Amino acid sequence: MSKTKEQYMADFIKSVKTIDDCIQPYLEQKKELRKEYVDNKWLTKEDIKYTMKAYRLLKDNTDMVELDKVYSDLQELVGDIDGTDE
């Protein structure tokens, strides 16, 4: 007997939960690391935010020239999307 789509979905969720449970201690460790750097005034929260963005760009091997072009094009078309555009 083959599984139904719903059974596969349930299996998927169970697997994701197992992975999430395994990852949780590492997420807490990462949170504590950030807190340590802020508490010791080695970096600000903003420094960490931009450092993590840069890390993800590096990890993904992002083409910065292309990203800058897309960012500039979108900025011209969309403007300030958080509502503070003057």
PDB file of N, CA and C in Angstrom:
ATOM      1  N   MET A   1       0.844  -1.189   0.000  1.00  0.00           N
ATOM      2  CA  MET A   1       0.000   0.000   0.000  1.00  0.00           C
ATOM      3  C   MET A   1       0.883   1.244   0.000  1.00  0.00           C
ATOM      4  N   SER A   2       0.615   2.175  -0.882  1.00  0.00           N
ATOM      5  CA  SER A   2       1.408   3.401  -0.933  1.00  0.00           C
ATOM      6  C   SER A   2       0.818   4.437   0.011  1.00  0.00           C
ATOM      7  N   LYS A   3       1.656   5.338   0.406  1.00  0.00           N
ATOM      8  CA  LYS A   3       1.242   6.399   1.335  1.00  0.00           C
ATOM      9  C   LYS A   3       0.451   7.465   0.608  1.00  0.00           C
ATOM     10  N   THR A   4      -0.396   8.138   1.369  1.00  0.00           N
ATOM     11  CA  THR A   4      -1.133   9.270   0.824  1.00  0.00           C
ATOM     12  C   THR A   4      -0.259  10.518   0.918  1.00  0.00           C
ATOM     13  N   LYS A   5      -0.664  11.530   0.208  1.00  0.00           N
ATOM     14  CA  LYS A   5       0.047  12.804   0.266  1.00  0.00           C
ATOM     15  C   LYS A   5       0.091  13.311   1.705  1.00  0.00           C
ATOM     16  N   GLU A   6      -1.007  13.180   2.420  1.00  0.00           N
ATOM     17  CA  GLU A   6      -1.081  13.638   3.807  1.00  0.00           C
ATOM     18  C   GLU A   6      -0.118  12.868   4.699  1.00  0.00           C
ATOM     19  N   GLN A   7       0.042  11.565   4.441  1.00  0.00           N
ATOM     20  CA  GLN A   7       0.997  10.771   5.222  1.00  0.00           C
ATOM     21  C   GLN A   7       2.436  11.228   4.956  1.00  0.00           C
ATOM     22  N   TYR A   8       2.725  11.521   3.689  1.00  0.00           N
ATOM     23  CA  TYR A   8       4.052  12.063   3.366  1.00  0.00           C
ATOM     24  C   TYR A   8       4.264  13.419   4.039  1.00  0.00           C
ATOM     25  N   MET A   9       3.205  14.235   4.069  1.00  0.00           N
ATOM     26  CA  MET A   9       3.313  15.538   4.736  1.00  0.00           C
ATOM     27  C   MET A   9       3.579  15.347   6.229  1.00  0.00           C
ATOM     28  N   ALA A  10       2.888  14.415   6.851  1.00  0.00           N
ATOM     29  CA  ALA A  10       3.096  14.143   8.279  1.00  0.00           C
ATOM     30  C   ALA A  10       4.513  13.634   8.520  1.00  0.00           C
ATOM     31  N   ASP A  11       4.989  12.732   7.670  1.00  0.00           N
ATOM     32  CA  ASP A  11       6.367  12.234   7.790  1.00  0.00           C
ATOM     33  C   ASP A  11       7.374  13.372   7.664  1.00  0.00           C
ATOM     34  N   PHE A  12       7.110  14.271   6.708  1.00  0.00           N
ATOM     35  CA  PHE A  12       7.994  15.410   6.497  1.00  0.00           C
ATOM     36  C   PHE A  12       8.057  16.278   7.749  1.00  0.00           C
ATOM     37  N   ILE A  13       6.893  16.584   8.320  1.00  0.00           N
ATOM     38  CA  ILE A  13       6.842  17.410   9.530  1.00  0.00           C
ATOM     39  C   ILE A  13       7.580  16.738  10.679  1.00  0.00           C
ATOM     40  N   LYS A  14       7.400  15.443  10.838  1.00  0.00           N
ATOM     41  CA  LYS A  14       8.102  14.712  11.905  1.00  0.00           C
ATOM     42  C   LYS A  14       9.618  14.814  11.713  1.00  0.00           C
ATOM     43  N   SER A  15      10.066  14.675  10.473  1.00  0.00           N
ATOM     44  CA  SER A  15      11.504  14.769  10.188  1.00  0.00           C
ATOM     45  C   SER A  15      12.027  16.178  10.455  1.00  0.00           C
ATOM     46  N   VAL A  16      11.258  17.190  10.036  1.00  0.00           N
ATOM     47  CA  VAL A  16      11.658  18.578  10.278  1.00  0.00           C
ATOM     48  C   VAL A  16      11.744  18.841  11.781  1.00  0.00           C
ATOM     49  N   LYS A  17      10.770  18.336  12.547  1.00  0.00           N
ATOM     50  CA  LYS A  17      10.789  18.528  13.992  1.00  0.00           C
ATOM     51  C   LYS A  17      12.019  17.878  14.615  1.00  0.00           C
ATOM     52  N   THR A  18      12.364  16.697  14.161  1.00  0.00           N
ATOM     53  CA  THR A  18      13.559  16.013  14.667  1.00  0.00           C
ATOM     54  C   THR A  18      14.806  16.853  14.401  1.00  0.00           C
ATOM     55  N   ILE A  19      14.904  17.379  13.197  1.00  0.00           N
ATOM     56  CA  ILE A  19      16.044  18.230  12.841  1.00  0.00           C
ATOM     57  C   ILE A  19      16.036  19.499  13.691  1.00  0.00           C
ATOM     58  N   ASP A  20      14.863  20.147  13.807  1.00  0.00           N
ATOM     59  CA  ASP A  20      14.751  21.361  14.633  1.00  0.00           C
ATOM     60  C   ASP A  20      15.180  21.099  16.075  1.00  0.00           C
ATOM     61  N   ASP A  21      14.769  19.956  16.611  1.00  0.00           N
ATOM     62  CA  ASP A  21      15.150  19.606  17.976  1.00  0.00           C
ATOM     63  C   ASP A  21      16.667  19.459  18.114  1.00  0.00           C
ATOM     64  N   CYS A  22      17.294  18.911  17.083  1.00  0.00           N
ATOM     65  CA  CYS A  22      18.756  18.754  17.103  1.00  0.00           C
ATOM     66  C   CYS A  22      19.474  20.091  16.957  1.00  0.00           C
ATOM     67  N   ILE A  23      18.897  20.985  16.182  1.00  0.00           N
ATOM     68  CA  ILE A  23      19.511  22.281  15.909  1.00  0.00           C
ATOM     69  C   ILE A  23      19.367  23.249  17.086  1.00  0.00           C
ATOM     70  N   GLN A  24      18.308  23.105  17.863  1.00  0.00           N
ATOM     71  CA  GLN A  24      17.977  24.062  18.917  1.00  0.00           C
ATOM     72  C   GLN A  24      19.162  24.426  19.823  1.00  0.00           C
ATOM     73  N   PRO A  25      19.934  23.457  20.310  1.00  0.00           N
ATOM     74  CA  PRO A  25      21.074  23.853  21.163  1.00  0.00           C
ATOM     75  C   PRO A  25      22.072  24.766  20.445  1.00  0.00           C
ATOM     76  N   TYR A  26      22.258  24.547  19.156  1.00  0.00           N
ATOM     77  CA  TYR A  26      23.182  25.384  18.396  1.00  0.00           C
ATOM     78  C   TYR A  26      22.626  26.788  18.210  1.00  0.00           C
ATOM     79  N   LEU A  27      21.307  26.892  18.026  1.00  0.00           N
ATOM     80  CA  LEU A  27      20.691  28.219  17.913  1.00  0.00           C
ATOM     81  C   LEU A  27      20.848  28.993  19.215  1.00  0.00           C
ATOM     82  N   GLU A  28      20.681  28.295  20.332  1.00  0.00           N
ATOM     83  CA  GLU A  28      20.872  28.934  21.634  1.00  0.00           C
ATOM     84  C   GLU A  28      22.328  29.368  21.800  1.00  0.00           C
ATOM     85  N   GLN A  29      23.249  28.530  21.345  1.00  0.00           N
ATOM     86  CA  GLN A  29      24.670  28.854  21.428  1.00  0.00           C
ATOM     87  C   GLN A  29      24.989  30.091  20.580  1.00  0.00           C
ATOM     88  N   LYS A  30      24.395  30.173  19.388  1.00  0.00           N
ATOM     89  CA  LYS A  30      24.611  31.330  18.523  1.00  0.00           C
ATOM     90  C   LYS A  30      24.036  32.591  19.165  1.00  0.00           C
ATOM     91  N   LYS A  31      22.880  32.462  19.789  1.00  0.00           N
ATOM     92  CA  LYS A  31      22.261  33.593  20.486  1.00  0.00           C
ATOM     93  C   LYS A  31      23.154  34.064  21.638  1.00  0.00           C
ATOM     94  N   GLU A  32      23.699  33.145  22.381  1.00  0.00           N
ATOM     95  CA  GLU A  32      24.598  33.488  23.482  1.00  0.00           C
ATOM     96  C   GLU A  32      25.881  34.142  22.974  1.00  0.00           C
ATOM     97  N   LEU A  33      26.378  33.679  21.831  1.00  0.00           N
ATOM     98  CA  LEU A  33      27.579  34.273  21.238  1.00  0.00           C
ATOM     99  C   LEU A  33      27.335  35.733  20.883  1.00  0.00           C
ATOM    100  N   ARG A  34      26.195  36.000  20.252  1.00  0.00           N
ATOM    101  CA  ARG A  34      25.848  37.387  19.926  1.00  0.00           C
ATOM    102  C   ARG A  34      25.761  38.233  21.183  1.00  0.00           C
ATOM    103  N   LYS A  35      25.090  37.690  22.194  1.00  0.00           N
ATOM    104  CA  LYS A  35      24.927  38.407  23.457  1.00  0.00           C
ATOM    105  C   LYS A  35      26.290  38.715  24.084  1.00  0.00           C
ATOM    106  N   GLU A  36      27.195  37.757  24.049  1.00  0.00           N
ATOM    107  CA  GLU A  36      28.540  37.950  24.609  1.00  0.00           C
ATOM    108  C   GLU A  36      29.260  39.101  23.913  1.00  0.00           C
ATOM    109  N   TYR A  37      29.165  39.159  22.582  1.00  0.00           N
ATOM    110  CA  TYR A  37      29.844  40.211  21.837  1.00  0.00           C
ATOM    111  C   TYR A  37      29.246  41.583  22.123  1.00  0.00           C
ATOM    112  N   VAL A  38      27.930  41.625  22.308  1.00  0.00           N
ATOM    113  CA  VAL A  38      27.278  42.896  22.634  1.00  0.00           C
ATOM    114  C   VAL A  38      27.584  43.279  24.081  1.00  0.00           C
ATOM    115  N   ASP A  39      27.458  42.320  25.001  1.00  0.00           N
ATOM    116  CA  ASP A  39      27.713  42.600  26.418  1.00  0.00           C
ATOM    117  C   ASP A  39      29.137  43.091  26.668  1.00  0.00           C
ATOM    118  N   ASN A  40      30.083  42.540  25.930  1.00  0.00           N
ATOM    119  CA  ASN A  40      31.483  42.935  26.093  1.00  0.00           C
ATOM    120  C   ASN A  40      31.841  44.169  25.265  1.00  0.00           C
ATOM    121  N   LYS A  41      30.832  44.693  24.554  1.00  0.00           N
ATOM    122  CA  LYS A  41      30.995  45.886  23.733  1.00  0.00           C
ATOM    123  C   LYS A  41      32.048  45.709  22.637  1.00  0.00           C
ATOM    124  N   TRP A  42      32.196  44.450  22.193  1.00  0.00           N
ATOM    125  CA  TRP A  42      33.093  44.186  21.076  1.00  0.00           C
ATOM    126  C   TRP A  42      32.412  44.590  19.769  1.00  0.00           C
ATOM    127  N   LEU A  43      31.085  44.354  19.696  1.00  0.00           N
ATOM    128  CA  LEU A  43      30.289  44.727  18.533  1.00  0.00           C
ATOM    129  C   LEU A  43      28.927  45.203  19.027  1.00  0.00           C
ATOM    130  N   THR A  44      28.290  46.065  18.227  1.00  0.00           N
ATOM    131  CA  THR A  44      26.923  46.457  18.534  1.00  0.00           C
ATOM    132  C   THR A  44      25.973  45.474  17.856  1.00  0.00           C
ATOM    133  N   LYS A  45      24.696  45.552  18.203  1.00  0.00           N
ATOM    134  CA  LYS A  45      23.709  44.700  17.542  1.00  0.00           C
ATOM    135  C   LYS A  45      23.688  44.981  16.044  1.00  0.00           C
ATOM    136  N   GLU A  46      23.835  46.259  15.693  1.00  0.00           N
ATOM    137  CA  GLU A  46      23.863  46.620  14.272  1.00  0.00           C
ATOM    138  C   GLU A  46      25.099  46.040  13.585  1.00  0.00           C
ATOM    139  N   ASP A  47      26.265  46.096  14.261  1.00  0.00           N
ATOM    140  CA  ASP A  47      27.478  45.489  13.703  1.00  0.00           C
ATOM    141  C   ASP A  47      27.246  44.009  13.403  1.00  0.00           C
ATOM    142  N   ILE A  48      26.627  43.324  14.347  1.00  0.00           N
ATOM    143  CA  ILE A  48      26.370  41.891  14.191  1.00  0.00           C
ATOM    144  C   ILE A  48      25.397  41.654  13.040  1.00  0.00           C
ATOM    145  N   LYS A  49      24.366  42.489  12.945  1.00  0.00           N
ATOM    146  CA  LYS A  49      23.379  42.347  11.874  1.00  0.00           C
ATOM    147  C   LYS A  49      24.057  42.437  10.507  1.00  0.00           C
ATOM    148  N   TYR A  50      24.891  43.446  10.325  1.00  0.00           N
ATOM    149  CA  TYR A  50      25.552  43.612   9.030  1.00  0.00           C
ATOM    150  C   TYR A  50      26.638  42.565   8.800  1.00  0.00           C
ATOM    151  N   THR A  51      27.288  42.140   9.858  1.00  0.00           N
ATOM    152  CA  THR A  51      28.286  41.076   9.733  1.00  0.00           C
ATOM    153  C   THR A  51      27.618  39.787   9.273  1.00  0.00           C
ATOM    154  N   MET A  52      26.455  39.475   9.840  1.00  0.00           N
ATOM    155  CA  MET A  52      25.739  38.263   9.452  1.00  0.00           C
ATOM    156  C   MET A  52      25.224  38.359   8.015  1.00  0.00           C
ATOM    157  N   LYS A  53      24.784  39.540   7.596  1.00  0.00           N
ATOM    158  CA  LYS A  53      24.355  39.712   6.202  1.00  0.00           C
ATOM    159  C   LYS A  53      25.544  39.473   5.272  1.00  0.00           C
ATOM    160  N   ALA A  54      26.698  40.025   5.631  1.00  0.00           N
ATOM    161  CA  ALA A  54      27.899  39.836   4.814  1.00  0.00           C
ATOM    162  C   ALA A  54      28.306  38.357   4.788  1.00  0.00           C
ATOM    163  N   TYR A  55      28.199  37.701   5.930  1.00  0.00           N
ATOM    164  CA  TYR A  55      28.528  36.275   6.009  1.00  0.00           C
ATOM    165  C   TYR A  55      27.654  35.464   5.046  1.00  0.00           C
ATOM    166  N   ARG A  56      26.359  35.749   5.039  1.00  0.00           N
ATOM    167  CA  ARG A  56      25.449  35.016   4.153  1.00  0.00           C
ATOM    168  C   ARG A  56      25.767  35.289   2.686  1.00  0.00           C
ATOM    169  N   LEU A  57      26.119  36.528   2.380  1.00  0.00           N
ATOM    170  CA  LEU A  57      26.506  36.859   1.003  1.00  0.00           C
ATOM    171  C   LEU A  57      27.767  36.104   0.606  1.00  0.00           C
ATOM    172  N   LEU A  58      28.734  36.055   1.514  1.00  0.00           N
ATOM    173  CA  LEU A  58      29.964  35.320   1.243  1.00  0.00           C
ATOM    174  C   LEU A  58      29.696  33.835   1.089  1.00  0.00           C
ATOM    175  N   LYS A  59      28.877  33.301   1.981  1.00  0.00           N
ATOM    176  CA  LYS A  59      28.556  31.870   1.970  1.00  0.00           C
ATOM    177  C   LYS A  59      27.860  31.483   0.665  1.00  0.00           C
ATOM    178  N   ASP A  60      26.997  32.368   0.170  1.00  0.00           N
ATOM    179  CA  ASP A  60      26.265  32.092  -1.068  1.00  0.00           C
ATOM    180  C   ASP A  60      27.049  32.471  -2.315  1.00  0.00           C
ATOM    181  N   ASN A  61      28.269  32.996  -2.104  1.00  0.00           N
ATOM    182  CA  ASN A  61      29.115  33.426  -3.226  1.00  0.00           C
ATOM    183  C   ASN A  61      28.364  34.428  -4.108  1.00  0.00           C
ATOM    184  N   THR A  62      27.743  35.403  -3.465  1.00  0.00           N
ATOM    185  CA  THR A  62      26.925  36.398  -4.145  1.00  0.00           C
ATOM    186  C   THR A  62      27.787  37.310  -5.017  1.00  0.00           C
ATOM    187  N   ASP A  63      27.327  37.531  -6.226  1.00  0.00           N
ATOM    188  CA  ASP A  63      27.981  38.465  -7.131  1.00  0.00           C
ATOM    189  C   ASP A  63      27.575  39.874  -6.691  1.00  0.00           C
ATOM    190  N   MET A  64      28.479  40.573  -6.018  1.00  0.00           N
ATOM    191  CA  MET A  64      28.155  41.869  -5.435  1.00  0.00           C
ATOM    192  C   MET A  64      27.860  42.931  -6.495  1.00  0.00           C
ATOM    193  N   VAL A  65      28.498  42.839  -7.642  1.00  0.00           N
ATOM    194  CA  VAL A  65      28.228  43.800  -8.712  1.00  0.00           C
ATOM    195  C   VAL A  65      26.782  43.631  -9.177  1.00  0.00           C
ATOM    196  N   GLU A  66      26.368  42.386  -9.379  1.00  0.00           N
ATOM    197  CA  GLU A  66      24.993  42.124  -9.816  1.00  0.00           C
ATOM    198  C   GLU A  66      23.999  42.486  -8.715  1.00  0.00           C
ATOM    199  N   LEU A  67      24.314  42.158  -7.481  1.00  0.00           N
ATOM    200  CA  LEU A  67      23.436  42.505  -6.364  1.00  0.00           C
ATOM    201  C   LEU A  67      23.268  44.019  -6.257  1.00  0.00           C
ATOM    202  N   ASP A  68      24.356  44.755  -6.392  1.00  0.00           N
ATOM    203  CA  ASP A  68      24.293  46.211  -6.326  1.00  0.00           C
ATOM    204  C   ASP A  68      23.428  46.774  -7.449  1.00  0.00           C
ATOM    205  N   LYS A  69      23.565  46.191  -8.640  1.00  0.00           N
ATOM    206  CA  LYS A  69      22.753  46.643  -9.779  1.00  0.00           C
ATOM    207  C   LYS A  69      21.273  46.406  -9.497  1.00  0.00           C
ATOM    208  N   VAL A  70      20.931  45.198  -9.042  1.00  0.00           N
ATOM    209  CA  VAL A  70      19.532  44.880  -8.751  1.00  0.00           C
ATOM    210  C   VAL A  70      19.013  45.776  -7.626  1.00  0.00           C
ATOM    211  N   TYR A  71      19.817  45.961  -6.600  1.00  0.00           N
ATOM    212  CA  TYR A  71      19.423  46.802  -5.466  1.00  0.00           C
ATOM    213  C   TYR A  71      19.148  48.231  -5.940  1.00  0.00           C
ATOM    214  N   SER A  72      20.045  48.767  -6.735  1.00  0.00           N
ATOM    215  CA  SER A  72      19.882  50.139  -7.248  1.00  0.00           C
ATOM    216  C   SER A  72      18.650  50.260  -8.119  1.00  0.00           C
ATOM    217  N   ASP A  73      18.451  49.272  -9.000  1.00  0.00           N
ATOM    218  CA  ASP A  73      17.270  49.291  -9.870  1.00  0.00           C
ATOM    219  C   ASP A  73      15.990  49.251  -9.042  1.00  0.00           C
ATOM    220  N   LEU A  74      15.948  48.371  -8.053  1.00  0.00           N
ATOM    221  CA  LEU A  74      14.757  48.267  -7.212  1.00  0.00           C
ATOM    222  C   LEU A  74      14.549  49.515  -6.380  1.00  0.00           C
ATOM    223  N   GLN A  75      15.627  50.085  -5.904  1.00  0.00           N
ATOM    224  CA  GLN A  75      15.519  51.293  -5.099  1.00  0.00           C
ATOM    225  C   GLN A  75      14.889  52.426  -5.906  1.00  0.00           C
ATOM    226  N   GLU A  76      15.263  52.520  -7.177  1.00  0.00           N
ATOM    227  CA  GLU A  76      14.678  53.539  -8.046  1.00  0.00           C
ATOM    228  C   GLU A  76      13.194  53.276  -8.294  1.00  0.00           C
ATOM    229  N   LEU A  77      12.838  52.024  -8.495  1.00  0.00           N
ATOM    230  CA  LEU A  77      11.456  51.656  -8.804  1.00  0.00           C
ATOM    231  C   LEU A  77      10.544  51.674  -7.582  1.00  0.00           C
ATOM    232  N   VAL A  78      11.049  51.191  -6.466  1.00  0.00           N
ATOM    233  CA  VAL A  78      10.218  50.988  -5.289  1.00  0.00           C
ATOM    234  C   VAL A  78      10.376  52.102  -4.283  1.00  0.00           C
ATOM    235  N   GLY A  79      11.580  52.659  -4.195  1.00  0.00           N
ATOM    236  CA  GLY A  79      11.843  53.679  -3.183  1.00  0.00           C
ATOM    237  C   GLY A  79      12.038  53.039  -1.827  1.00  0.00           C
ATOM    238  N   ASP A  80      11.671  53.761  -0.819  1.00  0.00           N
ATOM    239  CA  ASP A  80      11.831  53.310   0.552  1.00  0.00           C
ATOM    240  C   ASP A  80      10.582  52.523   0.942  1.00  0.00           C
ATOM    241  N   ILE A  81      10.682  51.202   1.012  1.00  0.00           N
ATOM    242  CA  ILE A  81       9.500  50.367   1.220  1.00  0.00           C
ATOM    243  C   ILE A  81       9.031  50.293   2.664  1.00  0.00           C
ATOM    244  N   ASP A  82       9.802  50.838   3.609  1.00  0.00           N
ATOM    245  CA  ASP A  82       9.348  50.774   5.008  1.00  0.00           C
ATOM    246  C   ASP A  82       8.474  51.968   5.392  1.00  0.00           C
ATOM    247  N   GLY A  83       8.174  52.806   4.422  1.00  0.00           N
ATOM    248  CA  GLY A  83       7.244  53.896   4.667  1.00  0.00           C
ATOM    249  C   GLY A  83       7.873  55.174   5.180  1.00  0.00           C
ATOM    250  N   THR A  84       9.201  55.225   5.223  1.00  0.00           N
ATOM    251  CA  THR A  84       9.853  56.432   5.713  1.00  0.00           C
ATOM    252  C   THR A  84      10.405  57.295   4.582  1.00  0.00           C
ATOM    253  N   ASP A  85      10.049  56.926   3.341  1.00  0.00           N
ATOM    254  CA  ASP A  85      10.517  57.692   2.177  1.00  0.00           C
ATOM    255  C   ASP A  85       9.935  59.102   2.246  1.00  0.00           C
ATOM    256  N   GLU A  86      10.769  60.048   2.096  1.00  0.00           N
ATOM    257  CA  GLU A  86      10.321  61.440   2.234  1.00  0.00           C
ATOM    258  C   GLU A  86       9.962  62.063   0.924  1.00  0.00           C
TER     259      GLU A  86
END
